[in-house]
Amino acid sequence: MSILRAARSAFLASAVLTPTLVFADYTYQETTQITGGSLLRMMKMAGHFSSQARKAGEPITSSVYLKGNRLAKVSQDGIEMIDLDKETITNIDTLKHTYSVVTFQQMRDQMAKAVEQAKKQQAEAPTERQAPPPGQNDVKMRYDVKVRNTGAEKQISGLNAKEAVLTMMAIATDQKTQQTGSMAVTNDMWLVPEVPGYSQVTDFYRRFAEKMGPMMAGVGLEMSRMLAQNPGATSALADMGKEMQKMKGVPIMQVMRMGTTTDGKPLPAASEAPLPADNEPAMPGGSDIAKQSAASMITSKLGGFGGFGKKKKDSSAEEGPRQDAQAAQQPTSAVLMETQVSTSNFSSDPVDESHFAVPAGFKQLQNGQ
């Protein structure tokens, strides 16, 4: 599950104040499409050699089935099932005819282990700084999460939706060179006040978060795991939970961007800086920023992309008006991937039990396979 799916699950899991409901059946569809960014261009280039890459940019529709304490998300390539009673998450690969099962306790143990490893790395950091290997940077990380309700409104599928923008940033600063950069996610969400029956979905994720424990409460499973692996991220988890409560309503369309910035600002929302229809980015591609960056700084901390290049101080003797002008023209942000997610076809019709069963003949994989 990518960081973009993590952003969606973070919203759903944030409904911690939703009252408990009488459990019933519910179904809706979710359509996801990669709509732009430098990674999409790379995948399209790779499409000359790979049939899977040729599908990049095509919409993928998943059906979500909720029945009491069970939820199944079914796509053309796989199925993910969450069972709150059994406290298990089952992932089914319909192409390879295999499946795996992980318990909530195993997930909690994995996150706890990640936290302990992060603490150990943080405790050992002072010793490492006394004799750092050649070229190693002393990088300080901080996290920033914000939600702003813009007040903008528009009609989507005949419904009046209001805009809320979620920005998440992991900002790294090299303490020696004072270079800064960040990996950023911006989610431009359009919400409607209510969709009949959809409160059952948010209530399901609330109960899921409660069972998973405080590590996940309010932020989503994948986001919790990612932040748990990084020292100093504990406050970000708490901040995210608080910010999520500012969002009111049901998201029926979201445009999520993942990328990098070098000026300390979040990536602009899709409504603020839309990409051209031909999928060529209005903002520069990741390679443009990489030319002026020390990308390994943030990669080593987050396992993600770089994007460093803004220096707070530069004592170079060659600095002059021409270089200042060139610096002013340097890109400060890059969209690596833009994805649009929309939800539709909400229904309270009965859900068949077959949606929660592993197909006959599928082989179970053990953890680690």
Foldseek 3Di string as FASTA:
>chain_A
DDVVVLQVLLLLLLPLPQDDDDWAKKKWKKKKFWQFAPQLVVLCVCVVPDVVSVCHGPIWMWMWIDGGLKIWIDTPQWIWIAGLVQQKIKIAGPVQLEIEIDHLVNLLVLLVVLLVVQVVCVVCVVVCVVPPDPPDFDKDKDKDKAKDFPQDWDADPNAIWGWMKIKIWIKIAGPVQRWIKIKMKIKIFTFGQDDPPCSSSSSSSSSVQVVSDPLPRSRGSVVSSQLSNAPPSPVVSVVNSVNSVVDHGDTFKMKMFIWMFRPPDHDDGCVVAPQDNVNDGPADHPVLQVVQAPFVRVCVRRVDTRRIHDTPDDPDPPDDPVVVVVVVPRGGMGTRIIMMMGMDDMDRDHDDPVSVDSDPPRHYDYPPD
